[in-house]
């Protein structure tokens, strides 16, 4: 089985994407890779250079990689509508069509334009029955060491009630696969034996009380309440302060709210990391134990909030798995995205 990687699109592409993909091969052996890349790519040379710097070991990684040639790619300035006709020779479309046509390819990773990936996925892959467009979901760390699936992160800025209901179902399935056998929040603190194995879903709102929020939120609250107990347990509305508290497995919102939220959290993490690093510098000339403690705190904050450790956003609702990496992706981002794809596939996501 294989995972296909679009090596274009990121700010530092293709080098960081190729290197990150090769690192992922050492961390898992079940899936080989197809790299959509410039046909002149010297893969053996890249592997040799990584060995010299001890970035990878001595295993013959190039035997597990196939190059699918492409010389054109989409940019953030490209109109997503061009993904239907004008960009058929781009690396993203080549990857999407290979994903669609080859049964042994399970997932795709791209750091290219989110809009182009969204439209391209709809047109070239197709969507699950009843969906009009995919949703974007991202796993965020919570204070109890768990994760919460935030959906939607920017796909649909003006959803209807049906869309939010779809997001609840899709993100609950995502959460179950993401944990892959680990305990869901619901299994640790459930109100009913009937819902012990169901992911907990909350609707992001300005208050927890029924009747609060916009007309859309009020209608969605009623709809999700009627669906509770089928594939998820709906716990009601949650406020912004609840999202990272670890009380839900999935948090549902419109794409506008989700996109603002995820970017604000990312910046808050950067600020907190900078404060911790400044504290470490201030302690450098003092007690060594204090410095070590500050170093550990700074590293914990960085590991928690750094998007490179959280892999990418997942398109929910496409017929095959697509993961969108950050445009500023590093090698670690791509490695994390590939390992995330493996984890979701092994957890049964999309089956």
C-alpha atoms as a PDB file:
ATOM      1  CA  UNK A   1       0.000   0.000   0.000  1.00  0.00           C
ATOM      2  CA  UNK A   2       1.170   3.541  -0.754  1.00  0.00           C
ATOM      3  CA  UNK A   3       0.768   7.190   0.201  1.00  0.00           C
ATOM      4  CA  UNK A   4       1.219   9.836  -2.497  1.00  0.00           C
ATOM      5  CA  UNK A   5       2.959  13.137  -1.712  1.00  0.00           C
ATOM      6  CA  UNK A   6       2.781  16.336  -3.765  1.00  0.00           C
ATOM      7  CA  UNK A   7       6.316  17.741  -3.357  1.00  0.00           C
ATOM      8  CA  UNK A   8       5.392  21.214  -4.651  1.00  0.00           C
ATOM      9  CA  UNK A   9       3.397  24.034  -3.050  1.00  0.00           C
ATOM     10  CA  UNK A  10       5.128  24.630   0.288  1.00  0.00           C
ATOM     11  CA  UNK A  11       7.210  27.754   0.889  1.00  0.00           C
ATOM     12  CA  UNK A  12      10.417  25.682   0.999  1.00  0.00           C
ATOM     13  CA  UNK A  13       9.367  23.009  -1.501  1.00  0.00           C
ATOM     14  CA  UNK A  14      10.448  20.608  -2.790  1.00  0.00           C
ATOM     15  CA  UNK A  15      13.471  19.948  -0.538  1.00  0.00           C
ATOM     16  CA  UNK A  16      11.713  19.937   2.843  1.00  0.00           C
ATOM     17  CA  UNK A  17       8.866  17.796   1.534  1.00  0.00           C
ATOM     18  CA  UNK A  18      11.158  15.171   0.012  1.00  0.00           C
ATOM     19  CA  UNK A  19      13.346  15.026   3.123  1.00  0.00           C
ATOM     20  CA  UNK A  20      10.328  14.850   5.434  1.00  0.00           C
ATOM     21  CA  UNK A  21       8.828  12.061   3.347  1.00  0.00           C
ATOM     22  CA  UNK A  22      12.047  10.052   3.518  1.00  0.00           C
ATOM     23  CA  UNK A  23      12.186  10.475   7.298  1.00  0.00           C
ATOM     24  CA  UNK A  24       8.648   9.104   7.520  1.00  0.00           C
ATOM     25  CA  UNK A  25       9.741   5.925   5.737  1.00  0.00           C
ATOM     26  CA  UNK A  26      12.065   5.113   8.630  1.00  0.00           C
ATOM     27  CA  UNK A  27       9.290   5.594  11.177  1.00  0.00           C
ATOM     28  CA  UNK A  28       6.844   3.202   9.512  1.00  0.00           C
ATOM     29  CA  UNK A  29       7.317   0.217   7.235  1.00  0.00           C
ATOM     30  CA  UNK A  30       3.765  -0.619   6.137  1.00  0.00           C
ATOM     31  CA  UNK A  31       3.393   2.059   3.449  1.00  0.00           C
ATOM     32  CA  UNK A  32       5.685   3.006   0.582  1.00  0.00           C
ATOM     33  CA  UNK A  33       5.619   6.458  -1.023  1.00  0.00           C
ATOM     34  CA  UNK A  34       4.914   7.981  -4.412  1.00  0.00           C
ATOM     35  CA  UNK A  35       6.456  11.436  -4.777  1.00  0.00           C
ATOM     36  CA  UNK A  36       4.980  13.713  -7.432  1.00  0.00           C
ATOM     37  CA  UNK A  37       8.173  15.585  -8.224  1.00  0.00           C
ATOM     38  CA  UNK A  38      10.434  17.082 -10.852  1.00  0.00           C
ATOM     39  CA  UNK A  39      11.639  14.139 -12.984  1.00  0.00           C
ATOM     40  CA  UNK A  40      15.216  15.430 -12.575  1.00  0.00           C
ATOM     41  CA  UNK A  41      15.058  14.858  -8.804  1.00  0.00           C
ATOM     42  CA  UNK A  42      18.194  13.036  -7.645  1.00  0.00           C
ATOM     43  CA  UNK A  43      16.550  10.876  -5.006  1.00  0.00           C
ATOM     44  CA  UNK A  44      19.661   8.792  -4.371  1.00  0.00           C
ATOM     45  CA  UNK A  45      21.652  11.977  -3.849  1.00  0.00           C
ATOM     46  CA  UNK A  46      19.118  13.305  -1.357  1.00  0.00           C
ATOM     47  CA  UNK A  47      19.232  10.048   0.605  1.00  0.00           C
ATOM     48  CA  UNK A  48      23.033  10.066   0.587  1.00  0.00           C
ATOM     49  CA  UNK A  49      23.131  13.632   1.882  1.00  0.00           C
ATOM     50  CA  UNK A  50      20.675  12.810   4.647  1.00  0.00           C
ATOM     51  CA  UNK A  51      22.794   9.827   5.677  1.00  0.00           C
ATOM     52  CA  UNK A  52      25.880  12.022   5.934  1.00  0.00           C
ATOM     53  CA  UNK A  53      24.039  14.378   8.284  1.00  0.00           C
ATOM     54  CA  UNK A  54      22.570  11.421  10.226  1.00  0.00           C
ATOM     55  CA  UNK A  55      19.031  12.543   9.314  1.00  0.00           C
ATOM     56  CA  UNK A  56      18.299   8.966   8.251  1.00  0.00           C
ATOM     57  CA  UNK A  57      19.938   5.611   8.816  1.00  0.00           C
ATOM     58  CA  UNK A  58      21.469   3.158   6.393  1.00  0.00           C
ATOM     59  CA  UNK A  59      18.317   1.483   5.083  1.00  0.00           C
ATOM     60  CA  UNK A  60      17.846   1.693   1.293  1.00  0.00           C
ATOM     61  CA  UNK A  61      14.922   4.114   1.394  1.00  0.00           C
ATOM     62  CA  UNK A  62      14.939   4.848  -2.329  1.00  0.00           C
ATOM     63  CA  UNK A  63      13.693   1.286  -2.972  1.00  0.00           C
ATOM     64  CA  UNK A  64      10.434   2.270  -1.269  1.00  0.00           C
ATOM     65  CA  UNK A  65       9.898   5.459  -3.299  1.00  0.00           C
ATOM     66  CA  UNK A  66       8.455   5.951  -6.781  1.00  0.00           C
ATOM     67  CA  UNK A  67       8.769   9.279  -8.620  1.00  0.00           C
ATOM     68  CA  UNK A  68       5.700  10.408 -10.566  1.00  0.00           C
ATOM     69  CA  UNK A  69       6.943  13.244 -12.814  1.00  0.00           C
ATOM     70  CA  UNK A  70       5.470  16.758 -12.782  1.00  0.00           C
ATOM     71  CA  UNK A  71       6.953  20.133 -13.683  1.00  0.00           C
ATOM     72  CA  UNK A  72       3.940  22.405 -13.113  1.00  0.00           C
ATOM     73  CA  UNK A  73       2.296  23.262  -9.789  1.00  0.00           C
ATOM     74  CA  UNK A  74      -0.422  25.472  -8.370  1.00  0.00           C
ATOM     75  CA  UNK A  75       0.278  28.564  -6.275  1.00  0.00           C
ATOM     76  CA  UNK A  76      -1.786  30.469  -3.727  1.00  0.00           C
ATOM     77  CA  UNK A  77      -2.482  33.036  -6.442  1.00  0.00           C
ATOM     78  CA  UNK A  78      -4.156  30.484  -8.727  1.00  0.00           C
ATOM     79  CA  UNK A  79      -7.938  30.546  -9.011  1.00  0.00           C
ATOM     80  CA  UNK A  80      -9.223  27.263  -7.475  1.00  0.00           C
ATOM     81  CA  UNK A  81     -11.750  27.002 -10.313  1.00  0.00           C
ATOM     82  CA  UNK A  82      -8.821  26.361 -12.673  1.00  0.00           C
ATOM     83  CA  UNK A  83      -8.318  22.999 -10.976  1.00  0.00           C
ATOM     84  CA  UNK A  84     -11.095  21.604 -13.140  1.00  0.00           C
ATOM     85  CA  UNK A  85      -9.547  22.286 -16.553  1.00  0.00           C
ATOM     86  CA  UNK A  86      -6.532  24.598 -16.699  1.00  0.00           C
ATOM     87  CA  UNK A  87      -4.265  22.849 -14.178  1.00  0.00           C
ATOM     88  CA  UNK A  88      -4.451  19.249 -15.347  1.00  0.00           C
ATOM     89  CA  UNK A  89      -0.656  19.030 -15.666  1.00  0.00           C
ATOM     90  CA  UNK A  90      -0.006  20.359 -12.151  1.00  0.00           C
ATOM     91  CA  UNK A  91       1.509  18.185  -9.432  1.00  0.00           C
ATOM     92  CA  UNK A  92      -1.627  18.483  -7.314  1.00  0.00           C
ATOM     93  CA  UNK A  93      -3.948  17.211 -10.050  1.00  0.00           C
ATOM     94  CA  UNK A  94      -1.523  14.432 -10.992  1.00  0.00           C
ATOM     95  CA  UNK A  95      -1.511  13.335  -7.338  1.00  0.00           C
ATOM     96  CA  UNK A  96      -5.296  13.541  -7.026  1.00  0.00           C
ATOM     97  CA  UNK A  97      -5.886  11.524 -10.187  1.00  0.00           C
ATOM     98  CA  UNK A  98      -3.413   8.844  -9.109  1.00  0.00           C
ATOM     99  CA  UNK A  99      -5.122   8.681  -5.730  1.00  0.00           C
ATOM    100  CA  UNK A 100      -8.491   8.281  -7.462  1.00  0.00           C
ATOM    101  CA  UNK A 101      -7.391   5.698 -10.029  1.00  0.00           C
ATOM    102  CA  UNK A 102      -5.032   3.419  -8.090  1.00  0.00           C
ATOM    103  CA  UNK A 103      -6.495   1.156  -5.421  1.00  0.00           C
ATOM    104  CA  UNK A 104      -3.141   0.676  -3.705  1.00  0.00           C
ATOM    105  CA  UNK A 105      -2.807   4.417  -2.955  1.00  0.00           C
ATOM    106  CA  UNK A 106      -4.564   5.121   0.346  1.00  0.00           C
ATOM    107  CA  UNK A 107      -3.928   8.806   1.010  1.00  0.00           C
ATOM    108  CA  UNK A 108      -2.440  12.024  -0.336  1.00  0.00           C
ATOM    109  CA  UNK A 109      -0.361  14.757   1.321  1.00  0.00           C
ATOM    110  CA  UNK A 110      -0.117  18.264  -0.146  1.00  0.00           C
ATOM    111  CA  UNK A 111       1.126  21.614   1.140  1.00  0.00           C
ATOM    112  CA  UNK A 112      -0.300  23.482  -1.849  1.00  0.00           C
ATOM    113  CA  UNK A 113      -3.139  26.011  -1.982  1.00  0.00           C
ATOM    114  CA  UNK A 114      -5.999  25.033   0.325  1.00  0.00           C
ATOM    115  CA  UNK A 115      -8.616  26.387  -2.084  1.00  0.00           C
ATOM    116  CA  UNK A 116      -7.138  24.493  -5.030  1.00  0.00           C
ATOM    117  CA  UNK A 117      -6.869  21.293  -2.994  1.00  0.00           C
ATOM    118  CA  UNK A 118     -10.486  21.700  -1.895  1.00  0.00           C
ATOM    119  CA  UNK A 119     -11.897  22.209  -5.385  1.00  0.00           C
ATOM    120  CA  UNK A 120      -9.534  19.631  -6.878  1.00  0.00           C
ATOM    121  CA  UNK A 121     -10.596  17.022  -4.317  1.00  0.00           C
ATOM    122  CA  UNK A 122     -14.277  17.605  -5.078  1.00  0.00           C
ATOM    123  CA  UNK A 123     -13.809  17.352  -8.835  1.00  0.00           C
ATOM    124  CA  UNK A 124     -11.133  14.666  -9.161  1.00  0.00           C
ATOM    125  CA  UNK A 125     -11.977  12.438  -6.185  1.00  0.00           C
ATOM    126  CA  UNK A 126     -15.645  13.035  -5.515  1.00  0.00           C
ATOM    127  CA  UNK A 127     -17.444  13.244  -2.176  1.00  0.00           C
ATOM    128  CA  UNK A 128     -19.363  10.900   0.039  1.00  0.00           C
ATOM    129  CA  UNK A 129     -23.052  10.720  -0.804  1.00  0.00           C
ATOM    130  CA  UNK A 130     -25.051  13.749   0.293  1.00  0.00           C
ATOM    131  CA  UNK A 131     -22.105  16.134   0.745  1.00  0.00           C
ATOM    132  CA  UNK A 132     -21.696  19.315  -1.280  1.00  0.00           C
ATOM    133  CA  UNK A 133     -18.109  20.017  -0.234  1.00  0.00           C
ATOM    134  CA  UNK A 134     -15.574  18.575   2.193  1.00  0.00           C
ATOM    135  CA  UNK A 135     -14.892  20.027   5.614  1.00  0.00           C
ATOM    136  CA  UNK A 136     -11.461  20.815   7.033  1.00  0.00           C
ATOM    137  CA  UNK A 137     -10.631  19.245  10.378  1.00  0.00           C
ATOM    138  CA  UNK A 138      -7.579  19.670  12.578  1.00  0.00           C
ATOM    139  CA  UNK A 139      -6.503  17.903  15.784  1.00  0.00           C
ATOM    140  CA  UNK A 140      -5.715  20.316  18.627  1.00  0.00           C
ATOM    141  CA  UNK A 141      -4.000  19.418  21.926  1.00  0.00           C
ATOM    142  CA  UNK A 142      -6.020  19.629  25.136  1.00  0.00           C
ATOM    143  CA  UNK A 143      -4.997  20.255  28.720  1.00  0.00           C
ATOM    144  CA  UNK A 144      -5.573  16.625  29.766  1.00  0.00           C
ATOM    145  CA  UNK A 145      -3.170  15.241  27.165  1.00  0.00           C
ATOM    146  CA  UNK A 146      -5.929  14.259  24.742  1.00  0.00           C
ATOM    147  CA  UNK A 147      -6.847  15.794  21.391  1.00  0.00           C
ATOM    148  CA  UNK A 148      -9.951  17.534  20.119  1.00  0.00           C
ATOM    149  CA  UNK A 149     -10.988  17.504  16.454  1.00  0.00           C
ATOM    150  CA  UNK A 150     -11.946  21.017  15.335  1.00  0.00           C
ATOM    151  CA  UNK A 151     -14.283  21.049  12.326  1.00  0.00           C
ATOM    152  CA  UNK A 152     -14.680  23.150  10.172  1.00  0.00           C
ATOM    153  CA  UNK A 153     -11.341  25.014   9.975  1.00  0.00           C
ATOM    154  CA  UNK A 154     -12.060  27.112   6.900  1.00  0.00           C
ATOM    155  CA  UNK A 155     -13.746  25.124   4.151  1.00  0.00           C
ATOM    156  CA  UNK A 156     -17.272  26.544   4.420  1.00  0.00           C
ATOM    157  CA  UNK A 157     -17.721  30.057   5.812  1.00  0.00           C
ATOM    158  CA  UNK A 158     -21.523  30.011   5.530  1.00  0.00           C
ATOM    159  CA  UNK A 159     -22.726  26.482   6.309  1.00  0.00           C
ATOM    160  CA  UNK A 160     -26.319  25.356   6.645  1.00  0.00           C
ATOM    161  CA  UNK A 161     -27.726  23.231   9.450  1.00  0.00           C
ATOM    162  CA  UNK A 162     -27.227  20.068   7.378  1.00  0.00           C
ATOM    163  CA  UNK A 163     -23.543  20.947   6.952  1.00  0.00           C
ATOM    164  CA  UNK A 164     -22.987  21.274  10.702  1.00  0.00           C
ATOM    165  CA  UNK A 165     -24.768  17.962  11.210  1.00  0.00           C
ATOM    166  CA  UNK A 166     -22.459  16.370   8.614  1.00  0.00           C
ATOM    167  CA  UNK A 167     -19.443  17.890  10.393  1.00  0.00           C
ATOM    168  CA  UNK A 168     -20.538  16.265  13.649  1.00  0.00           C
ATOM    169  CA  UNK A 169     -20.795  12.838  12.031  1.00  0.00           C
ATOM    170  CA  UNK A 170     -17.547  13.173  10.073  1.00  0.00           C
ATOM    171  CA  UNK A 171     -15.476  14.608  12.930  1.00  0.00           C
ATOM    172  CA  UNK A 172     -16.744  11.893  15.305  1.00  0.00           C
ATOM    173  CA  UNK A 173     -15.540   9.243  12.840  1.00  0.00           C
ATOM    174  CA  UNK A 174     -12.249  11.101  12.524  1.00  0.00           C
ATOM    175  CA  UNK A 175     -11.827  11.209  16.316  1.00  0.00           C
ATOM    176  CA  UNK A 176     -12.470   7.481  16.644  1.00  0.00           C
ATOM    177  CA  UNK A 177      -9.894   6.646  13.962  1.00  0.00           C
ATOM    178  CA  UNK A 178      -7.421   9.213  15.281  1.00  0.00           C
ATOM    179  CA  UNK A 179      -7.321   7.572  18.694  1.00  0.00           C
ATOM    180  CA  UNK A 180      -6.969   4.125  17.060  1.00  0.00           C
ATOM    181  CA  UNK A 181      -7.805   2.125  20.152  1.00  0.00           C
ATOM    182  CA  UNK A 182      -6.788   4.702  22.750  1.00  0.00           C
ATOM    183  CA  UNK A 183      -9.516   5.862  25.107  1.00  0.00           C
ATOM    184  CA  UNK A 184     -11.880   8.534  23.829  1.00  0.00           C
ATOM    185  CA  UNK A 185     -12.983  11.262  26.207  1.00  0.00           C
ATOM    186  CA  UNK A 186     -16.431   9.659  26.158  1.00  0.00           C
ATOM    187  CA  UNK A 187     -15.169   6.326  27.446  1.00  0.00           C
ATOM    188  CA  UNK A 188     -13.618   7.999  30.499  1.00  0.00           C
ATOM    189  CA  UNK A 189     -16.497  10.235  31.516  1.00  0.00           C
ATOM    190  CA  UNK A 190     -19.783   9.153  30.012  1.00  0.00           C
ATOM    191  CA  UNK A 191     -23.339   9.716  31.142  1.00  0.00           C
ATOM    192  CA  UNK A 192     -24.686   6.455  29.748  1.00  0.00           C
ATOM    193  CA  UNK A 193     -23.409   2.940  29.084  1.00  0.00           C
ATOM    194  CA  UNK A 194     -25.081   3.194  25.672  1.00  0.00           C
ATOM    195  CA  UNK A 195     -22.758   6.052  24.672  1.00  0.00           C
ATOM    196  CA  UNK A 196     -19.570   4.780  26.326  1.00  0.00           C
ATOM    197  CA  UNK A 197     -17.855   4.094  23.009  1.00  0.00           C
ATOM    198  CA  UNK A 198     -19.274   7.081  21.117  1.00  0.00           C
ATOM    199  CA  UNK A 199     -17.177  10.203  20.582  1.00  0.00           C
ATOM    200  CA  UNK A 200     -18.430  13.286  22.422  1.00  0.00           C
ATOM    201  CA  UNK A 201     -19.317  16.218  20.163  1.00  0.00           C
ATOM    202  CA  UNK A 202     -19.845  19.831  21.224  1.00  0.00           C
ATOM    203  CA  UNK A 203     -21.238  22.769  19.226  1.00  0.00           C
ATOM    204  CA  UNK A 204     -19.130  25.931  19.582  1.00  0.00           C
ATOM    205  CA  UNK A 205     -21.338  28.758  20.851  1.00  0.00           C
ATOM    206  CA  UNK A 206     -21.286  31.952  22.923  1.00  0.00           C
ATOM    207  CA  UNK A 207     -22.849  30.166  25.880  1.00  0.00           C
ATOM    208  CA  UNK A 208     -23.764  26.688  27.054  1.00  0.00           C
ATOM    209  CA  UNK A 209     -27.452  27.321  27.675  1.00  0.00           C
ATOM    210  CA  UNK A 210     -29.954  26.072  25.058  1.00  0.00           C
ATOM    211  CA  UNK A 211     -31.447  28.959  23.112  1.00  0.00           C
ATOM    212  CA  UNK A 212     -28.225  30.964  22.856  1.00  0.00           C
ATOM    213  CA  UNK A 213     -26.456  31.824  19.636  1.00  0.00           C
ATOM    214  CA  UNK A 214     -27.455  32.708  16.095  1.00  0.00           C
ATOM    215  CA  UNK A 215     -30.467  31.214  14.333  1.00  0.00           C
ATOM    216  CA  UNK A 216     -28.097  28.775  12.599  1.00  0.00           C
ATOM    217  CA  UNK A 217     -26.619  27.615  15.912  1.00  0.00           C
ATOM    218  CA  UNK A 218     -30.035  27.238  17.542  1.00  0.00           C
ATOM    219  CA  UNK A 219     -31.308  25.098  14.667  1.00  0.00           C
ATOM    220  CA  UNK A 220     -28.082  23.091  14.599  1.00  0.00           C
ATOM    221  CA  UNK A 221     -28.393  22.487  18.363  1.00  0.00           C
ATOM    222  CA  UNK A 222     -31.819  20.932  17.860  1.00  0.00           C
ATOM    223  CA  UNK A 223     -30.614  18.875  14.915  1.00  0.00           C
ATOM    224  CA  UNK A 224     -27.560  17.505  16.739  1.00  0.00           C
ATOM    225  CA  UNK A 225     -29.670  16.746  19.800  1.00  0.00           C
ATOM    226  CA  UNK A 226     -31.946  14.580  17.661  1.00  0.00           C
ATOM    227  CA  UNK A 227     -28.928  12.740  16.226  1.00  0.00           C
ATOM    228  CA  UNK A 228     -27.229  12.061  19.559  1.00  0.00           C
ATOM    229  CA  UNK A 229     -26.691   8.378  20.301  1.00  0.00           C
ATOM    230  CA  UNK A 230     -26.389   7.306  16.648  1.00  0.00           C
ATOM    231  CA  UNK A 231     -22.683   7.762  15.852  1.00  0.00           C
ATOM    232  CA  UNK A 232     -21.791  10.348  18.506  1.00  0.00           C
ATOM    233  CA  UNK A 233     -22.931  11.693  21.849  1.00  0.00           C
ATOM    234  CA  UNK A 234     -23.949  15.356  21.604  1.00  0.00           C
ATOM    235  CA  UNK A 235     -23.144  17.118  24.857  1.00  0.00           C
ATOM    236  CA  UNK A 236     -24.630  20.479  23.807  1.00  0.00           C
ATOM    237  CA  UNK A 237     -23.033  23.872  23.292  1.00  0.00           C
ATOM    238  CA  UNK A 238     -19.485  24.558  24.384  1.00  0.00           C
ATOM    239  CA  UNK A 239     -17.763  27.917  24.829  1.00  0.00           C
ATOM    240  CA  UNK A 240     -14.342  28.907  23.559  1.00  0.00           C
ATOM    241  CA  UNK A 241     -12.793  28.104  26.926  1.00  0.00           C
ATOM    242  CA  UNK A 242     -14.095  24.517  26.693  1.00  0.00           C
ATOM    243  CA  UNK A 243     -12.471  23.612  23.379  1.00  0.00           C
ATOM    244  CA  UNK A 244      -9.049  22.743  24.805  1.00  0.00           C
ATOM    245  CA  UNK A 245     -10.341  21.508  28.151  1.00  0.00           C
ATOM    246  CA  UNK A 246     -10.523  17.884  27.009  1.00  0.00           C
ATOM    247  CA  UNK A 247     -14.245  17.464  27.625  1.00  0.00           C
ATOM    248  CA  UNK A 248     -15.139  16.684  23.998  1.00  0.00           C
ATOM    249  CA  UNK A 249     -13.628  14.576  21.230  1.00  0.00           C
ATOM    250  CA  UNK A 250     -14.862  16.909  18.475  1.00  0.00           C
ATOM    251  CA  UNK A 251     -15.870  20.577  18.379  1.00  0.00           C
ATOM    252  CA  UNK A 252     -18.146  21.699  15.523  1.00  0.00           C
ATOM    253  CA  UNK A 253     -18.389  25.221  14.077  1.00  0.00           C
ATOM    254  CA  UNK A 254     -18.613  27.167  10.829  1.00  0.00           C
ATOM    255  CA  UNK A 255     -15.430  27.584   8.786  1.00  0.00           C
ATOM    256  CA  UNK A 256     -15.080  31.283   9.593  1.00  0.00           C
ATOM    257  CA  UNK A 257     -15.036  30.659  13.353  1.00  0.00           C
ATOM    258  CA  UNK A 258     -12.784  27.629  13.040  1.00  0.00           C
ATOM    259  CA  UNK A 259     -10.221  29.354  10.836  1.00  0.00           C
ATOM    260  CA  UNK A 260      -9.949  32.378  13.142  1.00  0.00           C
ATOM    261  CA  UNK A 261      -9.741  30.118  16.169  1.00  0.00           C
ATOM    262  CA  UNK A 262      -6.988  27.849  14.873  1.00  0.00           C
ATOM    263  CA  UNK A 263      -4.802  30.758  13.754  1.00  0.00           C
ATOM    264  CA  UNK A 264      -5.293  32.583  17.048  1.00  0.00           C
ATOM    265  CA  UNK A 265      -4.306  29.445  18.985  1.00  0.00           C
ATOM    266  CA  UNK A 266      -1.230  29.013  16.819  1.00  0.00           C
ATOM    267  CA  UNK A 267      -0.122  32.594  17.545  1.00  0.00           C
ATOM    268  CA  UNK A 268      -0.870  32.217  21.253  1.00  0.00           C
ATOM    269  CA  UNK A 269       1.372  29.161  21.295  1.00  0.00           C
ATOM    270  CA  UNK A 270       4.162  31.100  19.583  1.00  0.00           C
ATOM    271  CA  UNK A 271       3.894  33.900  22.148  1.00  0.00           C
ATOM    272  CA  UNK A 272       3.877  31.469  25.077  1.00  0.00           C
ATOM    273  CA  UNK A 273       6.932  29.675  23.656  1.00  0.00           C
ATOM    274  CA  UNK A 274       8.785  32.990  23.236  1.00  0.00           C
ATOM    275  CA  UNK A 275       8.019  33.947  26.847  1.00  0.00           C
ATOM    276  CA  UNK A 276       9.296  30.591  28.073  1.00  0.00           C
ATOM    277  CA  UNK A 277      12.479  30.911  26.001  1.00  0.00           C
ATOM    278  CA  UNK A 278      13.080  34.417  27.392  1.00  0.00           C
ATOM    279  CA  UNK A 279      12.701  33.013  30.880  1.00  0.00           C
ATOM    280  CA  UNK A 280      15.290  30.349  30.042  1.00  0.00           C
ATOM    281  CA  UNK A 281      17.743  33.005  28.838  1.00  0.00           C
ATOM    282  CA  UNK A 282      17.173  35.036  31.988  1.00  0.00           C
ATOM    283  CA  UNK A 283      17.972  31.985  34.091  1.00  0.00           C
ATOM    284  CA  UNK A 284      21.088  31.053  32.102  1.00  0.00           C
ATOM    285  CA  UNK A 285      23.474  32.680  34.546  1.00  0.00           C
ATOM    286  CA  UNK A 286      21.658  31.478  37.636  1.00  0.00           C
ATOM    287  CA  UNK A 287      20.884  28.097  39.144  1.00  0.00           C
ATOM    288  CA  UNK A 288      21.349  25.278  36.592  1.00  0.00           C
ATOM    289  CA  UNK A 289      18.287  23.415  37.876  1.00  0.00           C
ATOM    290  CA  UNK A 290      16.146  26.475  37.221  1.00  0.00           C
ATOM    291  CA  UNK A 291      17.514  26.709  33.693  1.00  0.00           C
ATOM    292  CA  UNK A 292      16.784  23.026  33.041  1.00  0.00           C
ATOM    293  CA  UNK A 293      13.234  23.410  34.330  1.00  0.00           C
ATOM    294  CA  UNK A 294      12.674  26.448  32.103  1.00  0.00           C
ATOM    295  CA  UNK A 295      14.115  24.574  29.132  1.00  0.00           C
ATOM    296  CA  UNK A 296      11.694  21.716  29.757  1.00  0.00           C
ATOM    297  CA  UNK A 297       8.716  24.076  30.019  1.00  0.00           C
ATOM    298  CA  UNK A 298       9.669  25.886  26.813  1.00  0.00           C
ATOM    299  CA  UNK A 299      10.020  22.574  24.961  1.00  0.00           C
ATOM    300  CA  UNK A 300       6.662  21.336  26.258  1.00  0.00           C
ATOM    301  CA  UNK A 301       4.911  24.499  25.090  1.00  0.00           C
ATOM    302  CA  UNK A 302       6.634  24.315  21.711  1.00  0.00           C
ATOM    303  CA  UNK A 303       5.746  20.656  21.257  1.00  0.00           C
ATOM    304  CA  UNK A 304       2.125  21.306  22.205  1.00  0.00           C
ATOM    305  CA  UNK A 305       1.382  24.273  19.964  1.00  0.00           C
ATOM    306  CA  UNK A 306       3.808  23.904  17.057  1.00  0.00           C
ATOM    307  CA  UNK A 307       1.762  23.041  13.945  1.00  0.00           C
ATOM    308  CA  UNK A 308       4.700  20.933  12.749  1.00  0.00           C
ATOM    309  CA  UNK A 309       3.918  18.435  15.510  1.00  0.00           C
ATOM    310  CA  UNK A 310       0.188  18.431  14.764  1.00  0.00           C
ATOM    311  CA  UNK A 311       0.587  17.296  11.149  1.00  0.00           C
ATOM    312  CA  UNK A 312      -2.026  18.832   8.835  1.00  0.00           C
ATOM    313  CA  UNK A 313      -5.707  19.504   8.346  1.00  0.00           C
ATOM    314  CA  UNK A 314      -7.756  16.609   6.982  1.00  0.00           C
ATOM    315  CA  UNK A 315     -10.426  16.950   4.304  1.00  0.00           C
ATOM    316  CA  UNK A 316     -13.477  15.159   5.690  1.00  0.00           C
ATOM    317  CA  UNK A 317     -15.966  13.759   3.211  1.00  0.00           C
ATOM    318  CA  UNK A 318     -13.696  13.042   0.240  1.00  0.00           C
ATOM    319  CA  UNK A 319     -13.792   9.498  -1.121  1.00  0.00           C
ATOM    320  CA  UNK A 320     -10.124   9.023  -0.224  1.00  0.00           C
ATOM    321  CA  UNK A 321      -7.983  10.578   2.469  1.00  0.00           C
ATOM    322  CA  UNK A 322      -6.397  13.975   1.722  1.00  0.00           C
ATOM    323  CA  UNK A 323      -4.229  15.807   4.272  1.00  0.00           C
ATOM    324  CA  UNK A 324      -3.365  19.474   3.766  1.00  0.00           C
ATOM    325  CA  UNK A 325      -0.008  20.457   5.286  1.00  0.00           C
ATOM    326  CA  UNK A 326       0.815  24.015   6.347  1.00  0.00           C
ATOM    327  CA  UNK A 327       2.253  26.189   3.565  1.00  0.00           C
ATOM    328  CA  UNK A 328       5.228  26.912   5.844  1.00  0.00           C
ATOM    329  CA  UNK A 329       5.767  23.177   6.288  1.00  0.00           C
ATOM    330  CA  UNK A 330       9.098  21.867   7.523  1.00  0.00           C
ATOM    331  CA  UNK A 331      10.516  18.353   7.221  1.00  0.00           C
ATOM    332  CA  UNK A 332       8.870  17.519  10.544  1.00  0.00           C
ATOM    333  CA  UNK A 333       5.486  18.702   9.231  1.00  0.00           C
ATOM    334  CA  UNK A 334       5.580  16.321   6.286  1.00  0.00           C
ATOM    335  CA  UNK A 335       6.812  13.433   8.419  1.00  0.00           C
ATOM    336  CA  UNK A 336       3.969  14.078  10.883  1.00  0.00           C
ATOM    337  CA  UNK A 337       1.400  14.269   8.046  1.00  0.00           C
ATOM    338  CA  UNK A 338       2.463  10.908   6.634  1.00  0.00           C
ATOM    339  CA  UNK A 339       2.393   9.277  10.069  1.00  0.00           C
ATOM    340  CA  UNK A 340      -1.027  10.854  10.669  1.00  0.00           C
ATOM    341  CA  UNK A 341      -2.268   9.327   7.412  1.00  0.00           C
ATOM    342  CA  UNK A 342      -0.966   5.904   8.495  1.00  0.00           C
ATOM    343  CA  UNK A 343      -2.666   6.273  11.871  1.00  0.00           C
ATOM    344  CA  UNK A 344      -6.013   7.207  10.327  1.00  0.00           C
ATOM    345  CA  UNK A 345      -5.875   4.453   7.716  1.00  0.00           C
ATOM    346  CA  UNK A 346      -5.001   1.841  10.326  1.00  0.00           C
ATOM    347  CA  UNK A 347      -7.795   3.216  12.511  1.00  0.00           C
ATOM    348  CA  UNK A 348     -10.325   2.554   9.755  1.00  0.00           C
ATOM    349  CA  UNK A 349     -10.985   6.158   8.744  1.00  0.00           C
ATOM    350  CA  UNK A 350     -12.732   6.418   5.380  1.00  0.00           C
ATOM    351  CA  UNK A 351     -13.723   2.739   5.230  1.00  0.00           C
END
